[in-house]
Amino acid sequence: MRTAGRAPEDAEWAAHEAGAATGLVWAVVTTGIHCRDGCPARPLRKNTRVFDSRAEAEAAGFRACKRCGGGGAAG
């Protein structure tokens, strides 16, 4: 299981769930994907890690989401 990144903080998670821009890259440890803000996928918080950039998420072994393209913070 991938454990890189960090768990989302309460305010970050609330913003993500509301579809607001956070500037973060959202990764799902159970699927191995990373998503951009606004992706319609809704993983469980306990399975979610956040990264500051797409490059960091990919270096940790996550691939881009096929629904949203996995964009997000530059990098």
Protein backbone atom coordinates (compact mmCIF):
# COMPACT_ATOMS: atom_id res chain seq x y z
CA MET A 1 0.00 0.00 0.00
CA ARG A 2 1.28 3.47 -0.87
CA THR A 3 1.85 5.66 2.19
CA ALA A 4 3.72 8.66 0.74
CA GLY A 5 2.16 12.09 0.86
CA ARG A 6 0.12 13.12 3.86
CA ALA A 7 -3.40 12.78 5.13
CA PRO A 8 -5.66 15.71 4.22
CA GLU A 9 -6.41 18.25 6.92
CA ASP A 10 -10.04 18.90 7.87
CA ALA A 11 -10.27 22.20 5.96
CA GLU A 12 -8.61 20.70 2.87
CA TRP A 13 -10.98 17.74 2.89
CA ALA A 14 -14.02 20.01 3.29
CA ALA A 15 -12.87 22.14 0.35
CA HIS A 16 -12.21 19.04 -1.76
CA GLU A 17 -15.63 17.58 -0.99
CA ALA A 18 -17.23 20.91 -1.92
CA GLY A 19 -15.40 20.90 -5.26
CA ALA A 20 -13.36 24.00 -4.36
CA ALA A 21 -9.85 24.56 -5.66
CA THR A 22 -7.19 23.56 -3.13
CA GLY A 23 -4.10 23.56 -5.34
CA LEU A 24 -3.33 20.04 -4.15
CA VAL A 25 -3.05 16.73 -5.93
CA TRP A 26 -5.32 14.06 -4.43
CA ALA A 27 -4.07 10.46 -4.48
CA VAL A 28 -6.01 7.31 -3.62
CA VAL A 29 -3.94 4.54 -2.05
CA THR A 30 -6.42 1.76 -2.86
CA THR A 31 -6.45 2.47 -6.60
CA GLY A 32 -3.00 4.00 -7.12
CA ILE A 33 -4.35 7.05 -8.97
CA HIS A 34 -4.04 10.79 -8.42
CA CYS A 35 -6.67 13.40 -9.27
CA ARG A 36 -7.02 17.11 -9.77
CA ASP A 37 -9.35 19.40 -7.84
CA GLY A 38 -12.90 18.98 -9.06
CA CYS A 39 -12.60 15.33 -10.14
CA PRO A 40 -15.98 13.61 -9.77
CA ALA A 41 -14.36 10.57 -8.10
CA ARG A 42 -15.11 10.47 -4.39
CA PRO A 43 -12.78 8.14 -2.48
CA LEU A 44 -12.98 7.58 1.25
CA ARG A 45 -10.92 10.06 3.24
CA LYS A 46 -9.01 7.26 4.97
CA ASN A 47 -7.73 6.11 1.55
CA THR A 48 -6.67 9.60 0.41
CA ARG A 49 -3.24 11.21 0.50
CA VAL A 50 -2.35 14.71 -0.69
CA PHE A 51 0.68 16.00 -2.54
CA ASP A 52 1.81 19.50 -3.47
CA SER A 53 2.44 18.53 -7.08
CA ARG A 54 1.64 15.95 -9.73
CA ALA A 55 5.35 15.13 -9.98
CA GLU A 56 5.46 14.25 -6.27
CA ALA A 57 2.44 11.96 -6.60
CA GLU A 58 3.91 10.22 -9.64
CA ALA A 59 7.30 9.84 -7.93
CA ALA A 60 5.44 8.10 -5.09
CA GLY A 61 3.98 5.61 -7.58
CA PHE A 62 0.56 7.07 -8.38
CA ARG A 63 -0.70 7.40 -11.97
CA ALA A 64 -3.01 10.02 -13.44
CA CYS A 65 -6.76 9.47 -13.11
CA LYS A 66 -8.44 8.53 -16.39
CA ARG A 67 -11.59 10.50 -15.48
CA CYS A 68 -9.96 13.87 -14.86
CA GLY A 69 -6.47 13.49 -16.30
CA GLY A 70 -4.90 13.76 -12.86
CA GLY A 71 -3.76 17.34 -13.34
CA GLY A 72 -3.51 19.69 -10.42
CA ALA A 73 -0.67 21.64 -8.91
CA ALA A 74 2.13 22.20 -11.39
CA GLY A 75 5.19 20.07 -11.20
